[in-house]
All heavy atoms as atom14 arrays in JSON, in Angstrom:
{
  "sequence": "QIIEISDEDWHKGIDTYFLNAVRPTRLVTPVMQSQKSGVIINIST",
  "atom14_mask": [
    [1, 1, 1, 1, 1, 1, 1, 1, 1, 0, 0, 0, 0, 0],
    [1, 1, 1, 1, 1, 1, 1, 1, 0, 0, 0, 0, 0, 0],
    [1, 1, 1, 1, 1, 1, 1, 1, 0, 0, 0, 0, 0, 0],
    [1, 1, 1, 1, 1, 1, 1, 1, 1, 0, 0, 0, 0, 0],
    [1, 1, 1, 1, 1, 1, 1, 1, 0, 0, 0, 0, 0, 0],
    [1, 1, 1, 1, 1, 1, 0, 0, 0, 0, 0, 0, 0, 0],
    [1, 1, 1, 1, 1, 1, 1, 1, 0, 0, 0, 0, 0, 0],
    [1, 1, 1, 1, 1, 1, 1, 1, 1, 0, 0, 0, 0, 0],
    [1, 1, 1, 1, 1, 1, 1, 1, 0, 0, 0, 0, 0, 0],
    [1, 1, 1, 1, 1, 1, 1, 1, 1, 1, 1, 1, 1, 1],
    [1, 1, 1, 1, 1, 1, 1, 1, 1, 1, 0, 0, 0, 0],
    [1, 1, 1, 1, 1, 1, 1, 1, 1, 0, 0, 0, 0, 0],
    [1, 1, 1, 1, 0, 0, 0, 0, 0, 0, 0, 0, 0, 0],
    [1, 1, 1, 1, 1, 1, 1, 1, 0, 0, 0, 0, 0, 0],
    [1, 1, 1, 1, 1, 1, 1, 1, 0, 0, 0, 0, 0, 0],
    [1, 1, 1, 1, 1, 1, 1, 0, 0, 0, 0, 0, 0, 0],
    [1, 1, 1, 1, 1, 1, 1, 1, 1, 1, 1, 1, 0, 0],
    [1, 1, 1, 1, 1, 1, 1, 1, 1, 1, 1, 0, 0, 0],
    [1, 1, 1, 1, 1, 1, 1, 1, 0, 0, 0, 0, 0, 0],
    [1, 1, 1, 1, 1, 1, 1, 1, 0, 0, 0, 0, 0, 0],
    [1, 1, 1, 1, 1, 0, 0, 0, 0, 0, 0, 0, 0, 0],
    [1, 1, 1, 1, 1, 1, 1, 0, 0, 0, 0, 0, 0, 0],
    [1, 1, 1, 1, 1, 1, 1, 1, 1, 1, 1, 0, 0, 0],
    [1, 1, 1, 1, 1, 1, 1, 0, 0, 0, 0, 0, 0, 0],
    [1, 1, 1, 1, 1, 1, 1, 0, 0, 0, 0, 0, 0, 0],
    [1, 1, 1, 1, 1, 1, 1, 1, 1, 1, 1, 0, 0, 0],
    [1, 1, 1, 1, 1, 1, 1, 1, 0, 0, 0, 0, 0, 0],
    [1, 1, 1, 1, 1, 1, 1, 0, 0, 0, 0, 0, 0, 0],
    [1, 1, 1, 1, 1, 1, 1, 0, 0, 0, 0, 0, 0, 0],
    [1, 1, 1, 1, 1, 1, 1, 0, 0, 0, 0, 0, 0, 0],
    [1, 1, 1, 1, 1, 1, 1, 0, 0, 0, 0, 0, 0, 0],
    [1, 1, 1, 1, 1, 1, 1, 1, 0, 0, 0, 0, 0, 0],
    [1, 1, 1, 1, 1, 1, 1, 1, 1, 0, 0, 0, 0, 0],
    [1, 1, 1, 1, 1, 1, 0, 0, 0, 0, 0, 0, 0, 0],
    [1, 1, 1, 1, 1, 1, 1, 1, 1, 0, 0, 0, 0, 0],
    [1, 1, 1, 1, 1, 1, 1, 1, 1, 0, 0, 0, 0, 0],
    [1, 1, 1, 1, 1, 1, 0, 0, 0, 0, 0, 0, 0, 0],
    [1, 1, 1, 1, 0, 0, 0, 0, 0, 0, 0, 0, 0, 0],
    [1, 1, 1, 1, 1, 1, 1, 0, 0, 0, 0, 0, 0, 0],
    [1, 1, 1, 1, 1, 1, 1, 1, 0, 0, 0, 0, 0, 0],
    [1, 1, 1, 1, 1, 1, 1, 1, 0, 0, 0, 0, 0, 0],
    [1, 1, 1, 1, 1, 1, 1, 1, 0, 0, 0, 0, 0, 0],
    [1, 1, 1, 1, 1, 1, 1, 1, 0, 0, 0, 0, 0, 0],
    [1, 1, 1, 1, 1, 1, 0, 0, 0, 0, 0, 0, 0, 0],
    [1, 1, 1, 1, 1, 1, 1, 0, 0, 0, 0, 0, 0, 0]
  ],
  "atom14_positions": [
    [[-45.52, -2.23, 14.68], [-44.11, -1.97, 14.58], [-43.91, -1.01, 13.38], [-44.6, -1.09, 12.37], [-43.35, -3.28, 14.34], [-41.88, -3.2, 14.68], [-41.03, -2.74, 13.54], [-41.46, -2.71, 12.4], [-39.79, -2.31, 13.83], [0.0, 0.0, 0.0], [0.0, 0.0, 0.0], [0.0, 0.0, 0.0], [0.0, 0.0, 0.0], [0.0, 0.0, 0.0]],
    [[-42.97, -0.06, 13.53], [-42.9, 1.11, 12.69], [-42.87, 0.79, 11.18], [-43.56, 1.44, 10.39], [-41.74, 2.02, 13.1], [-41.79, 3.38, 12.38], [-40.4, 1.33, 12.88], [-42.82, 4.31, 12.88], [0.0, 0.0, 0.0], [0.0, 0.0, 0.0], [0.0, 0.0, 0.0], [0.0, 0.0, 0.0], [0.0, 0.0, 0.0], [0.0, 0.0, 0.0]],
    [[-42.1, -0.19, 10.74], [-42.02, -0.45, 9.31], [-43.1, -1.4, 8.83], [-43.19, -1.68, 7.63], [-40.62, -0.98, 8.89], [-40.36, -2.37, 9.5], [-39.53, 0.05, 9.24], [-39.15, -3.04, 8.87], [0.0, 0.0, 0.0], [0.0, 0.0, 0.0], [0.0, 0.0, 0.0], [0.0, 0.0, 0.0], [0.0, 0.0, 0.0], [0.0, 0.0, 0.0]],
    [[-43.93, -1.88, 9.74], [-45.04, -2.77, 9.37], [-46.35, -2.02, 9.22], [-47.4, -2.62, 8.91], [-45.18, -3.88, 10.41], [-43.98, -4.82, 10.46], [-44.03, -5.81, 11.57], [-45.04, -5.82, 12.34], [-43.08, -6.62, 11.7], [0.0, 0.0, 0.0], [0.0, 0.0, 0.0], [0.0, 0.0, 0.0], [0.0, 0.0, 0.0], [0.0, 0.0, 0.0]],
    [[-46.34, -0.71, 9.43], [-47.57, 0.09, 9.26], [-47.8, 0.35, 7.8], [-46.93, 0.87, 7.07], [-47.46, 1.42, 10.05], [-47.2, 1.12, 11.52], [-48.74, 2.22, 9.87], [-46.85, 2.35, 12.32], [0.0, 0.0, 0.0], [0.0, 0.0, 0.0], [0.0, 0.0, 0.0], [0.0, 0.0, 0.0], [0.0, 0.0, 0.0], [0.0, 0.0, 0.0]],
    [[-48.97, -0.03, 7.3], [-49.27, 0.12, 5.89], [-49.58, 1.57, 5.55], [-49.85, 2.41, 6.44], [-50.5, -0.74, 5.54], [-51.66, -0.25, 6.2], [0.0, 0.0, 0.0], [0.0, 0.0, 0.0], [0.0, 0.0, 0.0], [0.0, 0.0, 0.0], [0.0, 0.0, 0.0], [0.0, 0.0, 0.0], [0.0, 0.0, 0.0], [0.0, 0.0, 0.0]],
    [[-49.57, 1.89, 4.25], [-49.96, 3.23, 3.84], [-51.36, 3.55, 4.35], [-51.63, 4.67, 4.79], [-49.95, 3.33, 2.3], [-48.55, 3.41, 1.73], [-47.56, 3.29, 2.48], [-48.44, 3.58, 0.5], [0.0, 0.0, 0.0], [0.0, 0.0, 0.0], [0.0, 0.0, 0.0], [0.0, 0.0, 0.0], [0.0, 0.0, 0.0], [0.0, 0.0, 0.0]],
    [[-52.26, 2.57, 4.23], [-53.64, 2.79, 4.67], [-53.71, 3.15, 6.14], [-54.43, 4.08, 6.54], [-54.45, 1.53, 4.39], [-55.91, 1.65, 4.8], [-56.69, 0.36, 4.61], [-56.09, -0.69, 4.34], [-57.95, 0.42, 4.73], [0.0, 0.0, 0.0], [0.0, 0.0, 0.0], [0.0, 0.0, 0.0], [0.0, 0.0, 0.0], [0.0, 0.0, 0.0]],
    [[-52.91, 2.45, 6.97], [-52.95, 2.75, 8.38], [-52.26, 4.08, 8.73], [-52.67, 4.77, 9.67], [-52.31, 1.6, 9.18], [-53.29, 0.46, 9.39], [-54.49, 0.63, 9.13], [-52.83, -0.63, 9.86], [0.0, 0.0, 0.0], [0.0, 0.0, 0.0], [0.0, 0.0, 0.0], [0.0, 0.0, 0.0], [0.0, 0.0, 0.0], [0.0, 0.0, 0.0]],
    [[-51.25, 4.46, 7.96], [-50.68, 5.81, 8.21], [-51.74, 6.88, 7.9], [-51.89, 7.85, 8.64], [-49.45, 6.05, 7.32], [-48.19, 5.47, 7.87], [-47.41, 4.48, 7.33], [-47.51, 5.86, 9.11], [-46.34, 4.23, 8.12], [-46.35, 5.06, 9.22], [-47.81, 6.79, 10.09], [-45.49, 5.16, 10.29], [-46.94, 6.92, 11.17], [-45.79, 6.11, 11.26]],
    [[-52.49, 6.67, 6.83], [-53.56, 7.62, 6.5], [-54.62, 7.63, 7.59], [-55.14, 8.7, 7.95], [-54.18, 7.29, 5.15], [-53.32, 7.68, 3.98], [-53.03, 8.98, 3.68], [-52.69, 6.91, 3.02], [-52.25, 9.04, 2.61], [-52.03, 7.79, 2.2], [0.0, 0.0, 0.0], [0.0, 0.0, 0.0], [0.0, 0.0, 0.0], [0.0, 0.0, 0.0]],
    [[-54.95, 6.47, 8.14], [-55.9, 6.41, 9.25], [-55.37, 7.18, 10.46], [-56.13, 7.86, 11.17], [-56.18, 4.95, 9.64], [-57.05, 4.2, 8.66], [-57.25, 2.76, 9.1], [-58.11, 1.98, 8.1], [-58.23, 0.56, 8.51], [0.0, 0.0, 0.0], [0.0, 0.0, 0.0], [0.0, 0.0, 0.0], [0.0, 0.0, 0.0], [0.0, 0.0, 0.0]],
    [[-54.09, 7.04, 10.73], [-53.47, 7.77, 11.85], [-53.57, 9.27, 11.65], [-53.9, 10.02, 12.6], [0.0, 0.0, 0.0], [0.0, 0.0, 0.0], [0.0, 0.0, 0.0], [0.0, 0.0, 0.0], [0.0, 0.0, 0.0], [0.0, 0.0, 0.0], [0.0, 0.0, 0.0], [0.0, 0.0, 0.0], [0.0, 0.0, 0.0], [0.0, 0.0, 0.0]],
    [[-53.3, 9.76, 10.44], [-53.41, 11.17, 10.15], [-54.86, 11.64, 10.32], [-55.13, 12.71, 10.89], [-52.91, 11.47, 8.72], [-51.42, 11.15, 8.58], [-53.21, 12.91, 8.34], [-50.51, 12.0, 9.41], [0.0, 0.0, 0.0], [0.0, 0.0, 0.0], [0.0, 0.0, 0.0], [0.0, 0.0, 0.0], [0.0, 0.0, 0.0], [0.0, 0.0, 0.0]],
    [[-55.8, 10.83, 9.85], [-57.23, 11.16, 10.03], [-57.61, 11.26, 11.5], [-58.37, 12.14, 11.9], [-58.09, 10.09, 9.35], [-58.42, 10.37, 7.89], [-58.32, 11.53, 7.49], [-58.77, 9.43, 7.19], [0.0, 0.0, 0.0], [0.0, 0.0, 0.0], [0.0, 0.0, 0.0], [0.0, 0.0, 0.0], [0.0, 0.0, 0.0], [0.0, 0.0, 0.0]],
    [[-57.08, 10.33, 12.27], [-57.48, 10.24, 13.68], [-56.84, 11.3, 14.55], [-57.5, 11.89, 15.4], [-57.07, 8.83, 14.24], [-57.71, 7.83, 13.47], [-57.49, 8.69, 15.71], [0.0, 0.0, 0.0], [0.0, 0.0, 0.0], [0.0, 0.0, 0.0], [0.0, 0.0, 0.0], [0.0, 0.0, 0.0], [0.0, 0.0, 0.0], [0.0, 0.0, 0.0]],
    [[-55.55, 11.58, 14.31], [-54.77, 12.39, 15.26], [-54.4, 13.79, 14.74], [-53.89, 14.6, 15.52], [-53.5, 11.65, 15.64], [-53.71, 10.35, 16.35], [-53.22, 9.17, 15.79], [-54.38, 10.27, 17.56], [-53.4, 7.96, 16.45], [-54.57, 9.07, 18.22], [-54.05, 7.91, 17.67], [-54.22, 6.72, 18.31], [0.0, 0.0, 0.0], [0.0, 0.0, 0.0]],
    [[-54.63, 14.06, 13.48], [-54.31, 15.37, 12.92], [-55.5, 16.05, 12.28], [-55.93, 17.12, 12.72], [-53.15, 15.24, 11.92], [-52.78, 16.52, 11.22], [-52.25, 17.58, 11.93], [-53.0, 16.66, 9.85], [-51.95, 18.78, 11.3], [-52.66, 17.85, 9.2], [-52.14, 18.92, 9.94], [0.0, 0.0, 0.0], [0.0, 0.0, 0.0], [0.0, 0.0, 0.0]],
    [[-56.09, 15.37, 11.31], [-57.23, 16.0, 10.64], [-58.45, 16.11, 11.53], [-59.35, 16.91, 11.27], [-57.58, 15.2, 9.37], [-56.54, 15.32, 8.25], [-56.91, 14.43, 7.07], [-56.35, 16.76, 7.79], [0.0, 0.0, 0.0], [0.0, 0.0, 0.0], [0.0, 0.0, 0.0], [0.0, 0.0, 0.0], [0.0, 0.0, 0.0], [0.0, 0.0, 0.0]],
    [[-58.49, 15.33, 12.63], [-59.55, 15.51, 13.63], [-59.62, 16.92, 14.17], [-60.68, 17.41, 14.57], [-59.36, 14.53, 14.78], [-58.23, 14.91, 15.68], [-57.07, 15.01, 15.25], [-58.5, 15.16, 16.94], [0.0, 0.0, 0.0], [0.0, 0.0, 0.0], [0.0, 0.0, 0.0], [0.0, 0.0, 0.0], [0.0, 0.0, 0.0], [0.0, 0.0, 0.0]],
    [[-58.48, 17.6, 14.21], [-58.43, 19.0, 14.67], [-58.56, 19.97, 13.51], [-59.18, 21.04, 13.66], [-57.11, 19.24, 15.41], [0.0, 0.0, 0.0], [0.0, 0.0, 0.0], [0.0, 0.0, 0.0], [0.0, 0.0, 0.0], [0.0, 0.0, 0.0], [0.0, 0.0, 0.0], [0.0, 0.0, 0.0], [0.0, 0.0, 0.0], [0.0, 0.0, 0.0]],
    [[-58.02, 19.63, 12.35], [-58.05, 20.53, 11.22], [-59.48, 20.76, 10.72], [-59.89, 21.9, 10.44], [-57.19, 19.97, 10.07], [-57.34, 20.79, 8.8], [-55.72, 19.92, 10.5], [0.0, 0.0, 0.0], [0.0, 0.0, 0.0], [0.0, 0.0, 0.0], [0.0, 0.0, 0.0], [0.0, 0.0, 0.0], [0.0, 0.0, 0.0], [0.0, 0.0, 0.0]],
    [[-60.26, 19.67, 10.63], [-61.61, 19.81, 10.07], [-62.51, 20.77, 10.87], [-63.09, 21.7, 10.26], [-62.26, 18.41, 9.97], [-61.58, 17.48, 8.97], [-62.38, 16.18, 8.86], [-61.65, 15.21, 8.07], [-60.91, 14.22, 8.57], [-60.81, 14.06, 9.9], [-60.29, 13.36, 7.78], [0.0, 0.0, 0.0], [0.0, 0.0, 0.0], [0.0, 0.0, 0.0]],
    [[-62.67, 20.55, 12.17], [-63.54, 21.49, 12.9], [-62.95, 22.89, 13.02], [-63.69, 23.85, 13.09], [-63.7, 20.84, 14.28], [-62.56, 19.88, 14.41], [-62.25, 19.43, 13.03], [0.0, 0.0, 0.0], [0.0, 0.0, 0.0], [0.0, 0.0, 0.0], [0.0, 0.0, 0.0], [0.0, 0.0, 0.0], [0.0, 0.0, 0.0], [0.0, 0.0, 0.0]],
    [[-61.62, 22.99, 13.01], [-61.01, 24.32, 13.05], [-61.41, 25.14, 11.84], [-61.66, 26.36, 11.95], [-59.48, 24.18, 13.15], [-59.15, 23.58, 14.41], [-58.78, 25.53, 13.04], [0.0, 0.0, 0.0], [0.0, 0.0, 0.0], [0.0, 0.0, 0.0], [0.0, 0.0, 0.0], [0.0, 0.0, 0.0], [0.0, 0.0, 0.0], [0.0, 0.0, 0.0]],
    [[-61.47, 24.51, 10.66], [-61.92, 25.23, 9.46], [-63.33, 25.78, 9.62], [-63.64, 26.86, 9.11], [-61.9, 24.3, 8.25], [-60.53, 24.06, 7.61], [-60.65, 23.46, 6.25], [-61.27, 22.16, 6.29], [-60.61, 21.02, 5.99], [-59.34, 21.04, 5.68], [-61.24, 19.86, 6.05], [0.0, 0.0, 0.0], [0.0, 0.0, 0.0], [0.0, 0.0, 0.0]],
    [[-64.17, 25.05, 10.35], [-65.55, 25.45, 10.5], [-65.73, 26.56, 11.53], [-66.53, 27.5, 11.33], [-66.41, 24.26, 10.9], [-66.55, 23.17, 9.83], [-67.25, 21.93, 10.41], [-67.34, 23.68, 8.63], [0.0, 0.0, 0.0], [0.0, 0.0, 0.0], [0.0, 0.0, 0.0], [0.0, 0.0, 0.0], [0.0, 0.0, 0.0], [0.0, 0.0, 0.0]],
    [[-64.99, 26.5, 12.63], [-65.21, 27.47, 13.7], [-64.44, 28.78, 13.51], [-64.82, 29.82, 14.04], [-64.92, 26.89, 15.11], [-65.71, 25.64, 15.35], [-63.43, 26.66, 15.31], [0.0, 0.0, 0.0], [0.0, 0.0, 0.0], [0.0, 0.0, 0.0], [0.0, 0.0, 0.0], [0.0, 0.0, 0.0], [0.0, 0.0, 0.0], [0.0, 0.0, 0.0]],
    [[-63.36, 28.74, 12.76], [-62.5, 29.91, 12.65], [-63.24, 31.14, 12.09], [-63.13, 32.24, 12.65], [-61.23, 29.62, 11.84], [-60.5, 28.6, 12.52], [-60.36, 30.87, 11.69], [0.0, 0.0, 0.0], [0.0, 0.0, 0.0], [0.0, 0.0, 0.0], [0.0, 0.0, 0.0], [0.0, 0.0, 0.0], [0.0, 0.0, 0.0], [0.0, 0.0, 0.0]],
    [[-64.02, 31.01, 11.02], [-64.75, 32.18, 10.54], [-65.75, 32.74, 11.58], [-65.92, 33.97, 11.66], [-65.49, 31.66, 9.31], [-64.71, 30.48, 8.85], [-64.19, 29.84, 10.11], [0.0, 0.0, 0.0], [0.0, 0.0, 0.0], [0.0, 0.0, 0.0], [0.0, 0.0, 0.0], [0.0, 0.0, 0.0], [0.0, 0.0, 0.0], [0.0, 0.0, 0.0]],
    [[-66.33, 31.87, 12.36], [-67.25, 32.32, 13.42], [-66.47, 33.1, 14.45], [-66.9, 34.19, 14.88], [-67.96, 31.09, 14.08], [-68.85, 31.53, 15.22], [-68.75, 30.3, 13.05], [0.0, 0.0, 0.0], [0.0, 0.0, 0.0], [0.0, 0.0, 0.0], [0.0, 0.0, 0.0], [0.0, 0.0, 0.0], [0.0, 0.0, 0.0], [0.0, 0.0, 0.0]],
    [[-65.34, 32.56, 14.87], [-64.51, 33.25, 15.87], [-63.95, 34.57, 15.33], [-63.82, 35.55, 16.06], [-63.39, 32.31, 16.34], [-63.92, 31.13, 17.15], [-62.57, 29.98, 17.61], [-63.48, 28.86, 18.69], [0.0, 0.0, 0.0], [0.0, 0.0, 0.0], [0.0, 0.0, 0.0], [0.0, 0.0, 0.0], [0.0, 0.0, 0.0], [0.0, 0.0, 0.0]],
    [[-63.62, 34.6, 14.04], [-63.15, 35.85, 13.45], [-64.24, 36.93, 13.53], [-63.96, 38.08, 13.83], [-62.77, 35.64, 11.99], [-61.4, 35.0, 11.78], [-61.07, 34.87, 10.32], [-61.74, 34.17, 9.58], [-60.02, 35.55, 9.89], [0.0, 0.0, 0.0], [0.0, 0.0, 0.0], [0.0, 0.0, 0.0], [0.0, 0.0, 0.0], [0.0, 0.0, 0.0]],
    [[-65.48, 36.55, 13.25], [-66.58, 37.51, 13.28], [-66.8, 38.03, 14.7], [-67.25, 39.15, 14.89], [-67.84, 36.88, 12.73], [-68.37, 35.91, 13.62], [0.0, 0.0, 0.0], [0.0, 0.0, 0.0], [0.0, 0.0, 0.0], [0.0, 0.0, 0.0], [0.0, 0.0, 0.0], [0.0, 0.0, 0.0], [0.0, 0.0, 0.0], [0.0, 0.0, 0.0]],
    [[-66.48, 37.21, 15.7], [-66.64, 37.59, 17.12], [-65.43, 38.37, 17.63], [-65.47, 38.96, 18.69], [-66.78, 36.35, 18.0], [-67.95, 35.48, 17.69], [-67.85, 34.08, 18.32], [-68.76, 33.3, 18.19], [-66.75, 33.77, 19.03], [0.0, 0.0, 0.0], [0.0, 0.0, 0.0], [0.0, 0.0, 0.0], [0.0, 0.0, 0.0], [0.0, 0.0, 0.0]],
    [[-64.32, 38.26, 16.9], [-63.03, 38.77, 17.35], [-62.59, 38.11, 18.66], [-61.92, 38.71, 19.51], [-63.06, 40.31, 17.54], [-62.94, 41.08, 16.22], [-61.55, 40.86, 15.63], [-61.37, 41.67, 14.35], [-60.03, 41.47, 13.75], [0.0, 0.0, 0.0], [0.0, 0.0, 0.0], [0.0, 0.0, 0.0], [0.0, 0.0, 0.0], [0.0, 0.0, 0.0]],
    [[-62.91, 36.81, 18.81], [-62.46, 36.05, 19.97], [-62.76, 34.59, 19.76], [-63.7, 34.21, 19.07], [-63.18, 36.53, 21.28], [-64.55, 36.22, 21.2], [0.0, 0.0, 0.0], [0.0, 0.0, 0.0], [0.0, 0.0, 0.0], [0.0, 0.0, 0.0], [0.0, 0.0, 0.0], [0.0, 0.0, 0.0], [0.0, 0.0, 0.0], [0.0, 0.0, 0.0]],
    [[-61.92, 33.76, 20.39], [-62.14, 32.32, 20.33], [-60.92, 31.56, 20.83], [-59.81, 32.08, 20.81], [0.0, 0.0, 0.0], [0.0, 0.0, 0.0], [0.0, 0.0, 0.0], [0.0, 0.0, 0.0], [0.0, 0.0, 0.0], [0.0, 0.0, 0.0], [0.0, 0.0, 0.0], [0.0, 0.0, 0.0], [0.0, 0.0, 0.0], [0.0, 0.0, 0.0]],
    [[-61.15, 30.35, 21.28], [-60.11, 29.48, 21.82], [-60.28, 28.09, 21.24], [-61.39, 27.55, 21.28], [-60.14, 29.42, 23.36], [-59.0, 28.57, 23.85], [-60.11, 30.8, 23.97], [0.0, 0.0, 0.0], [0.0, 0.0, 0.0], [0.0, 0.0, 0.0], [0.0, 0.0, 0.0], [0.0, 0.0, 0.0], [0.0, 0.0, 0.0], [0.0, 0.0, 0.0]],
    [[-59.18, 27.53, 20.71], [-59.18, 26.15, 20.23], [-58.12, 25.4, 21.02], [-56.97, 25.84, 21.13], [-58.91, 26.08, 18.7], [-59.97, 26.89, 17.95], [-58.89, 24.62, 18.25], [-59.67, 27.05, 16.48], [0.0, 0.0, 0.0], [0.0, 0.0, 0.0], [0.0, 0.0, 0.0], [0.0, 0.0, 0.0], [0.0, 0.0, 0.0], [0.0, 0.0, 0.0]],
    [[-58.53, 24.23, 21.58], [-57.64, 23.44, 22.41], [-57.62, 22.02, 21.86], [-58.71, 21.39, 21.75], [-58.1, 23.45, 23.88], [-58.16, 24.87, 24.43], [-57.18, 22.57, 24.73], [-59.02, 25.04, 25.64], [0.0, 0.0, 0.0], [0.0, 0.0, 0.0], [0.0, 0.0, 0.0], [0.0, 0.0, 0.0], [0.0, 0.0, 0.0], [0.0, 0.0, 0.0]],
    [[-56.48, 21.54, 21.5], [-56.33, 20.19, 20.94], [-55.77, 19.26, 21.99], [-54.7, 19.58, 22.59], [-55.42, 20.2, 19.74], [-55.87, 21.19, 18.67], [-57.04, 21.2, 18.3], [-54.95, 22.0, 18.17], [0.0, 0.0, 0.0], [0.0, 0.0, 0.0], [0.0, 0.0, 0.0], [0.0, 0.0, 0.0], [0.0, 0.0, 0.0], [0.0, 0.0, 0.0]],
    [[-56.41, 18.14, 22.25], [-55.85, 17.13, 23.15], [-54.87, 16.3, 22.32], [-55.27, 15.55, 21.43], [-56.93, 16.26, 23.77], [-57.92, 17.13, 24.6], [-56.3, 15.19, 24.67], [-59.05, 16.37, 25.22], [0.0, 0.0, 0.0], [0.0, 0.0, 0.0], [0.0, 0.0, 0.0], [0.0, 0.0, 0.0], [0.0, 0.0, 0.0], [0.0, 0.0, 0.0]],
    [[-53.61, 16.41, 22.64], [-52.54, 15.75, 21.89], [-51.97, 14.63, 22.75], [-52.72, 13.84, 23.34], [-51.47, 16.79, 21.5], [-50.42, 16.2, 20.8], [0.0, 0.0, 0.0], [0.0, 0.0, 0.0], [0.0, 0.0, 0.0], [0.0, 0.0, 0.0], [0.0, 0.0, 0.0], [0.0, 0.0, 0.0], [0.0, 0.0, 0.0], [0.0, 0.0, 0.0]],
    [[-50.64, 14.52, 22.86], [-50.04, 13.46, 23.62], [-48.65, 13.92, 24.12], [-47.96, 14.68, 23.42], [-49.86, 12.18, 22.81], [-49.18, 11.18, 23.61], [-49.06, 12.4, 21.53], [0.0, 0.0, 0.0], [0.0, 0.0, 0.0], [0.0, 0.0, 0.0], [0.0, 0.0, 0.0], [0.0, 0.0, 0.0], [0.0, 0.0, 0.0], [0.0, 0.0, 0.0]]
  ]
}
């Protein structure tokens, strides 16, 4: 329930559903820049 979610669990949610895309994007973007092409697709909801 929305007000029963702890700070720790909000951070877990951000790790699971947001930073899961940010982390690998940081790694592949320089590679794709050097190629002048690339596609990133995030499975959201």
